[in-house]
Every structure is written in structure tokens, then in C-alpha cells.
Amino acid sequence: MRVLELSQISTIILKIGGSVITNKSAELEARMDIISSIADQIREANPKNLVIVHGGGSFGHPLAQRYAIRDGFKDESQITGFAETHHVMTVLNGLFMDALIWRGIPAVSINPLSCVLTRKGRIQCFEMAQLKQFLKMGFLPVLHGDTVLDTELGFTVLSGDQLVSYLAIQLKAEKILIGVDVDGLYEEDPKLSAGARMHERLSLEELKKVHESLGESSTAADVTGGMRSKIAELIPAIEHGVPALIFNATKPKYVYKAIKGERIRGTLIEKE
């Protein structure tokens, strides 16, 4: 068996948002039709260099919000909430993994709680040896947003968005693909404004201006900050020269086309 060096692997980081794979208005409700479709597209694309990170949606966010996990350890009632939030994320991850494994995709789940330590909510330590070895051997690592231990707060929530940017930088990724439930990055929430204009292409400087101007507008619980936070997490990766494409992962074949580099509607963000 040939084991590649990481320098020979042009890694793609694929983020699948929680709003794509869950019904965010109904707690603990997975969108199995979408999960199955995404798994079909990944099997068809047959990537040898993919890392997937998925969000929590209506599994992780409501519990994390209820117990104020992101704010850190304040009282003992949160300990159960921490455990419950982590557990439901593993349940959602299990549903996603089922769809991949049943299709013969060599996916392996990497649990952030077991390998990441944060400090004031930012990744301080990430034991990546296993992930790198999986990539070298041809596996498809799958991570997810999670509850994690924090050296200052006791514990907190680690968003999938922070994971994506961190991994893209550490692995010197070829590109980041961010699958959401809208067509791209808009000047305002397209779910609330029918005339919202979508950005088709942004430079790093333009992205920073969009981040400054974008307000928070979400009707569902999102303890990781919504679109504005997603943009903030993207900026370091863009600064390192990793381009990103924000696209609608619920549209037929869009995940496949994004992986293959085919042209699709979305927002392309590059350093220059």
C-alpha cells in the first residue's frame, strides 16, 4: 500500500452547515434526504483529498444555548448540558457517517472533544497526527462542531467554522468549500429581504468590509454567531492564500460540482 506525504496531497476542506443537514426550526430533526444526496455526490466525486466538517444545526445549538455552554463553566447544572450537547452532536455525526459508510466511502469520524483544547474559545492545541495519517492513507476525515474543554473557561463551544479555517491553514489546503442553505454571501439576509444582492466575488479587503457592515439576523438559535461569525473565521484562511467558495449545498449536484471545481453559483473569496 502506498502512503502519500502530505506535501503530495492537495486538500479540500468541505464545510456542510447545520442549516443544510438539519431543520433548524425543529429540535433534533435531521434532513435525511439532503444528507443522502450529499453522500451520493461525494461518492460520485470520489475525492482522494477531502476533509469534511459539519455543523450542529438543531442538534447542537439549542442545547448549547439552553445551558450557556459557550460562556464557560459557571455552575454544576451545565455539566449535564455539556455532556448532552456533545452527545447529540455525535448522534448527528452518526447519521452523516451512516450515509457515507453505507455508500462505501472510507470516512472516519474525528471527535473534536477528544483532540482539541481551546483557550478563551480559540483553538490552543489540536492533536492532528491521526488526521494527517488518515489523509496520507486515503481516508476521508469527518469532523463537526462540538463542546470542548477550555483552559480559561472550563469548557465552551467550538464552531465548525473555526475548525475549517484552522484546518485549511494547518494543511495548506487547496480551497475551502462552504455549503449553506442560501446561494452565497449577501449584503443582507436573503430569507428576510427578497431583493438582497449576492456578492459573486470578493477580495480579502472587500470581505473585511462586508464583515464590518453585516448585522446578525437569524430566527433560529445559533450559538456560533451566524453568517457574520462565519466570515470572521474565514478571514485568517483567506489571509493565508486559501480561497473559499460559499454555495448552496441543498441544490442538486452543487456539492459534486464544487468538489470537482465546476462552475456554480456562489460567492468566491480570494486574497487579491
C-alpha atoms as a PDB file:
ATOM      1  CA  MET A   1       0.000   0.000   0.000  1.00  0.00           C
ATOM      2  CA  ARG A   2       1.311   3.435  -0.963  1.00  0.00           C
ATOM      3  CA  VAL A   3       1.135   6.096   1.754  1.00  0.00           C
ATOM      4  CA  LEU A   4       1.365   9.645   0.399  1.00  0.00           C
ATOM      5  CA  GLU A   5       3.214  12.524   2.005  1.00  0.00           C
ATOM      6  CA  LEU A   6       1.028  15.485   2.964  1.00  0.00           C
ATOM      7  CA  SER A   7       3.007  17.643   0.524  1.00  0.00           C
ATOM      8  CA  GLN A   8       1.618  15.417  -2.241  1.00  0.00           C
ATOM      9  CA  ILE A   9      -1.990  15.937  -1.125  1.00  0.00           C
ATOM     10  CA  SER A  10      -3.937  18.981  -2.294  1.00  0.00           C
ATOM     11  CA  THR A  11      -6.546  19.048   0.446  1.00  0.00           C
ATOM     12  CA  ILE A  12     -10.079  20.390   0.071  1.00  0.00           C
ATOM     13  CA  ILE A  13     -11.966  21.409   3.218  1.00  0.00           C
ATOM     14  CA  LEU A  14     -15.728  20.985   2.812  1.00  0.00           C
ATOM     15  CA  LYS A  15     -17.986  22.585   5.428  1.00  0.00           C
ATOM     16  CA  ILE A  16     -21.610  21.448   5.458  1.00  0.00           C
ATOM     17  CA  GLY A  17     -23.666  23.855   7.516  1.00  0.00           C
ATOM     18  CA  GLY A  18     -26.059  22.714  10.208  1.00  0.00           C
ATOM     19  CA  SER A  19     -28.860  24.539   8.382  1.00  0.00           C
ATOM     20  CA  VAL A  20     -28.267  22.229   5.412  1.00  0.00           C
ATOM     21  CA  ILE A  21     -28.470  18.869   7.193  1.00  0.00           C
ATOM     22  CA  THR A  22     -30.990  19.716   9.942  1.00  0.00           C
ATOM     23  CA  ASN A  23     -34.289  21.526  10.204  1.00  0.00           C
ATOM     24  CA  LYS A  24     -33.183  24.412  12.413  1.00  0.00           C
ATOM     25  CA  SER A  25     -36.782  25.246  13.372  1.00  0.00           C
ATOM     26  CA  ALA A  26     -37.394  21.748  14.801  1.00  0.00           C
ATOM     27  CA  GLU A  27     -35.069  20.464  17.531  1.00  0.00           C
ATOM     28  CA  LEU A  28     -33.189  17.238  16.761  1.00  0.00           C
ATOM     29  CA  GLU A  29     -34.638  16.871  13.263  1.00  0.00           C
ATOM     30  CA  ALA A  30     -32.181  15.756  10.587  1.00  0.00           C
ATOM     31  CA  ARG A  31     -32.801  16.308   6.879  1.00  0.00           C
ATOM     32  CA  MET A  32     -32.004  12.773   5.790  1.00  0.00           C
ATOM     33  CA  ASP A  33     -32.882  13.465   2.150  1.00  0.00           C
ATOM     34  CA  ILE A  34     -30.205  16.154   1.991  1.00  0.00           C
ATOM     35  CA  ILE A  35     -27.675  14.051   3.909  1.00  0.00           C
ATOM     36  CA  SER A  36     -28.258  11.157   1.490  1.00  0.00           C
ATOM     37  CA  SER A  37     -27.936  13.444  -1.528  1.00  0.00           C
ATOM     38  CA  ILE A  38     -24.651  14.896  -0.259  1.00  0.00           C
ATOM     39  CA  ALA A  39     -23.295  11.393   0.380  1.00  0.00           C
ATOM     40  CA  ASP A  40     -24.277  10.358  -3.168  1.00  0.00           C
ATOM     41  CA  GLN A  41     -22.456  13.369  -4.584  1.00  0.00           C
ATOM     42  CA  ILE A  42     -19.325  12.705  -2.544  1.00  0.00           C
ATOM     43  CA  ARG A  43     -19.297   9.092  -3.721  1.00  0.00           C
ATOM     44  CA  GLU A  44     -19.670  10.228  -7.340  1.00  0.00           C
ATOM     45  CA  ALA A  45     -16.939  12.868  -6.998  1.00  0.00           C
ATOM     46  CA  ASN A  46     -14.682  10.228  -5.389  1.00  0.00           C
ATOM     47  CA  PRO A  47     -12.250  12.742  -3.866  1.00  0.00           C
ATOM     48  CA  LYS A  48      -8.914  11.492  -2.517  1.00  0.00           C
ATOM     49  CA  ASN A  49      -8.113  14.658  -0.623  1.00  0.00           C
ATOM     50  CA  LEU A  50     -11.249  15.739   1.227  1.00  0.00           C
ATOM     51  CA  VAL A  51     -11.817  16.749   4.855  1.00  0.00           C
ATOM     52  CA  ILE A  52     -15.433  17.337   5.898  1.00  0.00           C
ATOM     53  CA  VAL A  53     -16.620  19.488   8.784  1.00  0.00           C
ATOM     54  CA  HIS A  54     -20.347  19.675   9.522  1.00  0.00           C
ATOM     55  CA  GLY A  55     -22.322  21.990  11.756  1.00  0.00           C
ATOM     56  CA  GLY A  56     -24.740  21.261  14.574  1.00  0.00           C
ATOM     57  CA  GLY A  57     -27.962  22.907  13.467  1.00  0.00           C
ATOM     58  CA  SER A  58     -30.982  21.894  15.514  1.00  0.00           C
ATOM     59  CA  PHE A  59     -28.979  19.176  17.296  1.00  0.00           C
ATOM     60  CA  GLY A  60     -26.159  21.088  18.958  1.00  0.00           C
ATOM     61  CA  HIS A  61     -27.274  24.718  19.030  1.00  0.00           C
ATOM     62  CA  PRO A  62     -30.495  24.593  21.114  1.00  0.00           C
ATOM     63  CA  LEU A  63     -28.896  22.596  23.945  1.00  0.00           C
ATOM     64  CA  ALA A  64     -25.709  24.658  23.917  1.00  0.00           C
ATOM     65  CA  GLN A  65     -27.812  27.802  24.138  1.00  0.00           C
ATOM     66  CA  ARG A  66     -30.070  26.405  26.864  1.00  0.00           C
ATOM     67  CA  TYR A  67     -27.101  25.584  29.092  1.00  0.00           C
ATOM     68  CA  ALA A  68     -24.968  28.600  28.047  1.00  0.00           C
ATOM     69  CA  ILE A  69     -22.081  26.283  27.201  1.00  0.00           C
ATOM     70  CA  ARG A  70     -20.278  28.851  25.079  1.00  0.00           C
ATOM     71  CA  ASP A  71     -19.937  31.202  28.047  1.00  0.00           C
ATOM     72  CA  GLY A  72     -17.982  28.633  30.027  1.00  0.00           C
ATOM     73  CA  PHE A  73     -18.436  26.720  33.272  1.00  0.00           C
ATOM     74  CA  LYS A  74     -20.455  28.696  35.833  1.00  0.00           C
ATOM     75  CA  ASP A  75     -22.414  26.074  37.784  1.00  0.00           C
ATOM     76  CA  GLU A  76     -22.803  22.313  38.051  1.00  0.00           C
ATOM     77  CA  SER A  77     -26.077  22.209  36.102  1.00  0.00           C
ATOM     78  CA  GLN A  78     -24.042  22.933  32.968  1.00  0.00           C
ATOM     79  CA  ILE A  79     -22.054  19.715  33.297  1.00  0.00           C
ATOM     80  CA  THR A  80     -25.045  17.650  32.208  1.00  0.00           C
ATOM     81  CA  GLY A  81     -25.745  20.175  29.443  1.00  0.00           C
ATOM     82  CA  PHE A  82     -22.171  19.907  28.192  1.00  0.00           C
ATOM     83  CA  ALA A  83     -22.471  16.123  28.022  1.00  0.00           C
ATOM     84  CA  GLU A  84     -25.913  16.257  26.358  1.00  0.00           C
ATOM     85  CA  THR A  85     -24.742  18.744  23.737  1.00  0.00           C
ATOM     86  CA  HIS A  86     -21.706  16.650  22.881  1.00  0.00           C
ATOM     87  CA  HIS A  87     -23.864  13.522  22.724  1.00  0.00           C
ATOM     88  CA  VAL A  88     -26.429  14.933  20.288  1.00  0.00           C
ATOM     89  CA  MET A  89     -23.586  16.132  18.068  1.00  0.00           C
ATOM     90  CA  THR A  90     -22.263  12.574  17.944  1.00  0.00           C
ATOM     91  CA  VAL A  91     -25.782  11.411  17.056  1.00  0.00           C
ATOM     92  CA  LEU A  92     -25.960  13.836  14.116  1.00  0.00           C
ATOM     93  CA  ASN A  93     -22.440  12.885  13.136  1.00  0.00           C
ATOM     94  CA  GLY A  94     -23.503   9.232  13.260  1.00  0.00           C
ATOM     95  CA  LEU A  95     -26.362   9.885  10.817  1.00  0.00           C
ATOM     96  CA  PHE A  96     -23.963  11.667   8.471  1.00  0.00           C
ATOM     97  CA  MET A  97     -21.383   8.893   8.813  1.00  0.00           C
ATOM     98  CA  ASP A  98     -24.020   6.204   8.169  1.00  0.00           C
ATOM     99  CA  ALA A  99     -24.832   7.808   4.820  1.00  0.00           C
ATOM    100  CA  LEU A 100     -21.146   7.872   3.834  1.00  0.00           C
ATOM    101  CA  ILE A 101     -20.206   4.401   5.064  1.00  0.00           C
ATOM    102  CA  TRP A 102     -23.263   2.724   3.500  1.00  0.00           C
ATOM    103  CA  ARG A 103     -22.063   4.071   0.154  1.00  0.00           C
ATOM    104  CA  GLY A 104     -18.615   2.558   0.518  1.00  0.00           C
ATOM    105  CA  ILE A 105     -16.881   5.849   1.300  1.00  0.00           C
ATOM    106  CA  PRO A 106     -13.869   5.324   3.632  1.00  0.00           C
ATOM    107  CA  ALA A 107     -14.961   8.029   6.056  1.00  0.00           C
ATOM    108  CA  VAL A 108     -13.644   8.191   9.625  1.00  0.00           C
ATOM    109  CA  SER A 109     -15.120  10.363  12.352  1.00  0.00           C
ATOM    110  CA  ILE A 110     -12.729  12.562  14.356  1.00  0.00           C
ATOM    111  CA  ASN A 111     -14.274  13.856  17.546  1.00  0.00           C
ATOM    112  CA  PRO A 112     -13.037  17.397  18.397  1.00  0.00           C
ATOM    113  CA  LEU A 113     -13.709  16.895  22.118  1.00  0.00           C
ATOM    114  CA  SER A 114     -11.035  14.182  22.099  1.00  0.00           C
ATOM    115  CA  CYS A 115      -8.299  16.101  20.293  1.00  0.00           C
ATOM    116  CA  VAL A 116      -8.863  19.865  20.716  1.00  0.00           C
ATOM    117  CA  LEU A 117      -8.258  22.167  23.673  1.00  0.00           C
ATOM    118  CA  THR A 118      -9.213  25.841  23.472  1.00  0.00           C
ATOM    119  CA  ARG A 119      -8.235  28.975  25.392  1.00  0.00           C
ATOM    120  CA  LYS A 120     -10.961  31.615  25.690  1.00  0.00           C
ATOM    121  CA  GLY A 121     -12.782  29.899  22.852  1.00  0.00           C
ATOM    122  CA  ARG A 122      -9.846  29.802  20.413  1.00  0.00           C
ATOM    123  CA  ILE A 123      -8.024  26.620  19.455  1.00  0.00           C
ATOM    124  CA  GLN A 124      -4.897  26.339  21.571  1.00  0.00           C
ATOM    125  CA  CYS A 125      -3.973  22.716  20.983  1.00  0.00           C
ATOM    126  CA  PHE A 126      -5.130  20.357  18.219  1.00  0.00           C
ATOM    127  CA  GLU A 127      -3.607  16.874  18.121  1.00  0.00           C
ATOM    128  CA  MET A 128      -3.601  16.371  14.342  1.00  0.00           C
ATOM    129  CA  ALA A 129      -1.353  13.329  13.971  1.00  0.00           C
ATOM    130  CA  GLN A 130      -4.235  10.923  13.375  1.00  0.00           C
ATOM    131  CA  LEU A 131      -5.999  13.228  10.925  1.00  0.00           C
ATOM    132  CA  LYS A 132      -2.823  13.674   8.894  1.00  0.00           C
ATOM    133  CA  GLN A 133      -2.172   9.929   8.851  1.00  0.00           C
ATOM    134  CA  PHE A 134      -5.744   9.252   7.714  1.00  0.00           C
ATOM    135  CA  LEU A 135      -5.266  11.679   4.814  1.00  0.00           C
ATOM    136  CA  LYS A 136      -1.968  10.063   3.840  1.00  0.00           C
ATOM    137  CA  MET A 137      -3.653   6.643   3.732  1.00  0.00           C
ATOM    138  CA  GLY A 138      -6.650   7.760   1.672  1.00  0.00           C
ATOM    139  CA  PHE A 139      -9.337   8.021   4.339  1.00  0.00           C
ATOM    140  CA  LEU A 140     -11.916  10.816   4.435  1.00  0.00           C
ATOM    141  CA  PRO A 141     -11.833  12.516   7.864  1.00  0.00           C
ATOM    142  CA  VAL A 142     -15.142  13.925   9.132  1.00  0.00           C
ATOM    143  CA  LEU A 143     -15.226  16.458  11.989  1.00  0.00           C
ATOM    144  CA  HIS A 144     -18.005  18.535  13.491  1.00  0.00           C
ATOM    145  CA  GLY A 145     -18.714  21.459  15.764  1.00  0.00           C
ATOM    146  CA  ASP A 146     -18.518  20.278  19.356  1.00  0.00           C
ATOM    147  CA  THR A 147     -18.292  21.067  23.033  1.00  0.00           C
ATOM    148  CA  VAL A 148     -14.644  21.155  24.143  1.00  0.00           C
ATOM    149  CA  LEU A 149     -12.594  21.803  27.256  1.00  0.00           C
ATOM    150  CA  ASP A 150     -11.134  25.290  27.618  1.00  0.00           C
ATOM    151  CA  THR A 151      -8.116  26.244  29.749  1.00  0.00           C
ATOM    152  CA  GLU A 152      -9.677  29.562  30.841  1.00  0.00           C
ATOM    153  CA  LEU A 153     -13.439  28.985  30.620  1.00  0.00           C
ATOM    154  CA  GLY A 154     -13.547  25.361  31.769  1.00  0.00           C
ATOM    155  CA  PHE A 155     -15.422  24.440  28.610  1.00  0.00           C
ATOM    156  CA  THR A 156     -17.003  26.121  25.591  1.00  0.00           C
ATOM    157  CA  VAL A 157     -18.416  25.531  22.113  1.00  0.00           C
ATOM    158  CA  LEU A 158     -16.003  25.037  19.219  1.00  0.00           C
ATOM    159  CA  SER A 159     -17.671  26.026  15.963  1.00  0.00           C
ATOM    160  CA  GLY A 160     -17.216  24.090  12.766  1.00  0.00           C
ATOM    161  CA  ASP A 161     -16.286  27.400  11.126  1.00  0.00           C
ATOM    162  CA  GLN A 162     -13.249  27.852  13.375  1.00  0.00           C
ATOM    163  CA  LEU A 163     -12.250  24.250  12.674  1.00  0.00           C
ATOM    164  CA  VAL A 164     -12.479  24.834   8.914  1.00  0.00           C
ATOM    165  CA  SER A 165     -10.165  27.840   8.915  1.00  0.00           C
ATOM    166  CA  TYR A 166      -7.688  26.217  11.318  1.00  0.00           C
ATOM    167  CA  LEU A 167      -7.514  23.028   9.242  1.00  0.00           C
ATOM    168  CA  ALA A 168      -7.174  24.948   5.980  1.00  0.00           C
ATOM    169  CA  ILE A 169      -4.161  26.823   7.345  1.00  0.00           C
ATOM    170  CA  GLN A 170      -2.502  23.837   9.010  1.00  0.00           C
ATOM    171  CA  LEU A 171      -2.985  21.553   5.993  1.00  0.00           C
ATOM    172  CA  LYS A 172      -2.185  24.283   3.426  1.00  0.00           C
ATOM    173  CA  ALA A 173      -5.487  23.457   1.754  1.00  0.00           C
ATOM    174  CA  GLU A 174      -6.159  23.988  -1.929  1.00  0.00           C
ATOM    175  CA  LYS A 175      -9.553  25.525  -1.187  1.00  0.00           C
ATOM    176  CA  ILE A 176     -12.421  25.800   1.253  1.00  0.00           C
ATOM    177  CA  LEU A 177     -15.973  24.945   0.202  1.00  0.00           C
ATOM    178  CA  ILE A 178     -18.742  26.221   2.465  1.00  0.00           C
ATOM    179  CA  GLY A 179     -22.128  24.642   1.820  1.00  0.00           C
ATOM    180  CA  VAL A 180     -25.015  26.650   3.281  1.00  0.00           C
ATOM    181  CA  ASP A 181     -28.756  26.853   2.588  1.00  0.00           C
ATOM    182  CA  VAL A 182     -28.610  30.064   0.520  1.00  0.00           C
ATOM    183  CA  ASP A 183     -26.836  30.775  -2.775  1.00  0.00           C
ATOM    184  CA  GLY A 184     -23.894  32.696  -1.339  1.00  0.00           C
ATOM    185  CA  LEU A 185     -22.942  35.715   0.738  1.00  0.00           C
ATOM    186  CA  TYR A 186     -25.484  38.533   0.540  1.00  0.00           C
ATOM    187  CA  GLU A 187     -25.484  42.185   1.556  1.00  0.00           C
ATOM    188  CA  GLU A 188     -28.457  41.338   3.795  1.00  0.00           C
ATOM    189  CA  ASP A 189     -30.325  38.190   4.813  1.00  0.00           C
ATOM    190  CA  PRO A 190     -31.991  36.836   1.627  1.00  0.00           C
ATOM    191  CA  LYS A 191     -34.510  34.956   3.768  1.00  0.00           C
ATOM    192  CA  LEU A 192     -35.795  38.280   5.081  1.00  0.00           C
ATOM    193  CA  SER A 193     -35.264  40.511   2.046  1.00  0.00           C
ATOM    194  CA  ALA A 194     -36.349  39.291  -1.387  1.00  0.00           C
ATOM    195  CA  GLY A 195     -34.236  41.968  -3.081  1.00  0.00           C
ATOM    196  CA  ALA A 196     -31.000  41.128  -1.285  1.00  0.00           C
ATOM    197  CA  ARG A 197     -27.959  41.323  -3.575  1.00  0.00           C
ATOM    198  CA  MET A 198     -25.452  38.483  -3.597  1.00  0.00           C
ATOM    199  CA  HIS A 199     -21.706  39.054  -3.799  1.00  0.00           C
ATOM    200  CA  GLU A 200     -20.315  36.903  -6.612  1.00  0.00           C
ATOM    201  CA  ARG A 201     -16.646  37.610  -5.942  1.00  0.00           C
ATOM    202  CA  LEU A 202     -14.825  39.272  -3.049  1.00  0.00           C
ATOM    203  CA  SER A 203     -11.216  40.092  -2.253  1.00  0.00           C
ATOM    204  CA  LEU A 204      -9.882  39.860   1.287  1.00  0.00           C
ATOM    205  CA  GLU A 205     -10.246  43.598   1.802  1.00  0.00           C
ATOM    206  CA  GLU A 206     -13.785  43.560   0.439  1.00  0.00           C
ATOM    207  CA  LEU A 207     -14.635  40.638   2.719  1.00  0.00           C
ATOM    208  CA  LYS A 208     -13.430  42.592   5.740  1.00  0.00           C
ATOM    209  CA  LYS A 209     -15.707  45.492   4.762  1.00  0.00           C
ATOM    210  CA  VAL A 210     -18.656  43.122   4.359  1.00  0.00           C
ATOM    211  CA  HIS A 211     -17.906  41.673   7.788  1.00  0.00           C
ATOM    212  CA  GLU A 212     -17.959  45.135   9.342  1.00  0.00           C
ATOM    213  CA  SER A 213     -21.273  46.035   7.728  1.00  0.00           C
ATOM    214  CA  LEU A 214     -23.105  42.729   8.139  1.00  0.00           C
ATOM    215  CA  GLY A 215     -25.597  42.562  11.005  1.00  0.00           C
ATOM    216  CA  GLU A 216     -26.844  39.489  12.770  1.00  0.00           C
ATOM    217  CA  SER A 217     -30.227  38.228  11.595  1.00  0.00           C
ATOM    218  CA  SER A 218     -31.291  34.707  12.374  1.00  0.00           C
ATOM    219  CA  THR A 219     -34.604  33.355  13.532  1.00  0.00           C
ATOM    220  CA  ALA A 220     -33.100  30.108  14.803  1.00  0.00           C
ATOM    221  CA  ALA A 221     -30.731  29.523  17.713  1.00  0.00           C
ATOM    222  CA  ASP A 222     -27.112  29.731  16.573  1.00  0.00           C
ATOM    223  CA  VAL A 223     -24.597  29.830  19.409  1.00  0.00           C
ATOM    224  CA  THR A 224     -21.697  30.158  16.956  1.00  0.00           C
ATOM    225  CA  GLY A 225     -22.663  33.581  15.656  1.00  0.00           C
ATOM    226  CA  GLY A 226     -24.399  33.228  12.288  1.00  0.00           C
ATOM    227  CA  MET A 227     -23.021  34.446   8.942  1.00  0.00           C
ATOM    228  CA  ARG A 228     -21.033  37.341  10.408  1.00  0.00           C
ATOM    229  CA  SER A 229     -19.082  34.923  12.595  1.00  0.00           C
ATOM    230  CA  LYS A 230     -18.530  32.591   9.631  1.00  0.00           C
ATOM    231  CA  ILE A 231     -16.928  35.453   7.724  1.00  0.00           C
ATOM    232  CA  ALA A 232     -14.737  36.371  10.698  1.00  0.00           C
ATOM    233  CA  GLU A 233     -13.469  32.792  10.912  1.00  0.00           C
ATOM    234  CA  LEU A 234     -12.756  32.710   7.167  1.00  0.00           C
ATOM    235  CA  ILE A 235     -10.528  35.791   7.170  1.00  0.00           C
ATOM    236  CA  PRO A 236      -7.359  34.100   8.574  1.00  0.00           C
ATOM    237  CA  ALA A 237      -7.538  31.336   5.941  1.00  0.00           C
ATOM    238  CA  ILE A 238      -8.012  33.873   3.144  1.00  0.00           C
ATOM    239  CA  GLU A 239      -5.032  35.812   4.531  1.00  0.00           C
ATOM    240  CA  HIS A 240      -3.002  32.605   4.173  1.00  0.00           C
ATOM    241  CA  GLY A 241      -3.974  32.425   0.493  1.00  0.00           C
ATOM    242  CA  VAL A 242      -6.650  29.719   0.721  1.00  0.00           C
ATOM    243  CA  PRO A 243      -9.629  30.664  -1.491  1.00  0.00           C
ATOM    244  CA  ALA A 244     -13.172  29.933  -0.343  1.00  0.00           C
ATOM    245  CA  LEU A 245     -16.459  29.352  -2.129  1.00  0.00           C
ATOM    246  CA  ILE A 246     -19.776  29.843  -0.335  1.00  0.00           C
ATOM    247  CA  PHE A 247     -22.553  27.994  -2.163  1.00  0.00           C
ATOM    248  CA  ASN A 248     -25.966  26.391  -1.720  1.00  0.00           C
ATOM    249  CA  ALA A 249     -25.401  22.757  -0.723  1.00  0.00           C
ATOM    250  CA  THR A 250     -29.125  21.952  -0.982  1.00  0.00           C
ATOM    251  CA  LYS A 251     -29.118  22.468  -4.760  1.00  0.00           C
ATOM    252  CA  PRO A 252     -28.849  19.326  -6.916  1.00  0.00           C
ATOM    253  CA  LYS A 253     -25.254  18.322  -7.742  1.00  0.00           C
ATOM    254  CA  TYR A 254     -23.751  21.505  -6.244  1.00  0.00           C
ATOM    255  CA  VAL A 255     -21.604  19.627  -3.723  1.00  0.00           C
ATOM    256  CA  TYR A 256     -20.318  17.371  -6.504  1.00  0.00           C
ATOM    257  CA  LYS A 257     -19.610  20.313  -8.796  1.00  0.00           C
ATOM    258  CA  ALA A 258     -17.900  22.299  -6.050  1.00  0.00           C
ATOM    259  CA  ILE A 259     -15.577  19.400  -5.244  1.00  0.00           C
ATOM    260  CA  LYS A 260     -14.775  18.867  -8.934  1.00  0.00           C
ATOM    261  CA  GLY A 261     -14.116  22.564  -9.473  1.00  0.00           C
ATOM    262  CA  GLU A 262     -17.004  23.062 -11.881  1.00  0.00           C
ATOM    263  CA  ARG A 263     -18.618  26.474 -12.150  1.00  0.00           C
ATOM    264  CA  ILE A 264     -21.629  27.002  -9.891  1.00  0.00           C
ATOM    265  CA  ARG A 265     -23.486  29.996  -8.499  1.00  0.00           C
ATOM    266  CA  GLY A 266     -21.959  31.195  -5.254  1.00  0.00           C
ATOM    267  CA  THR A 267     -19.578  33.683  -3.664  1.00  0.00           C
ATOM    268  CA  LEU A 268     -15.880  33.207  -4.428  1.00  0.00           C
ATOM    269  CA  ILE A 269     -13.495  34.813  -1.939  1.00  0.00           C
ATOM    270  CA  GLU A 270      -9.791  35.199  -2.738  1.00  0.00           C
ATOM    271  CA  LYS A 271      -6.913  37.088  -1.144  1.00  0.00           C
ATOM    272  CA  GLU A 272      -6.463  39.502  -4.071  1.00  0.00           C
END
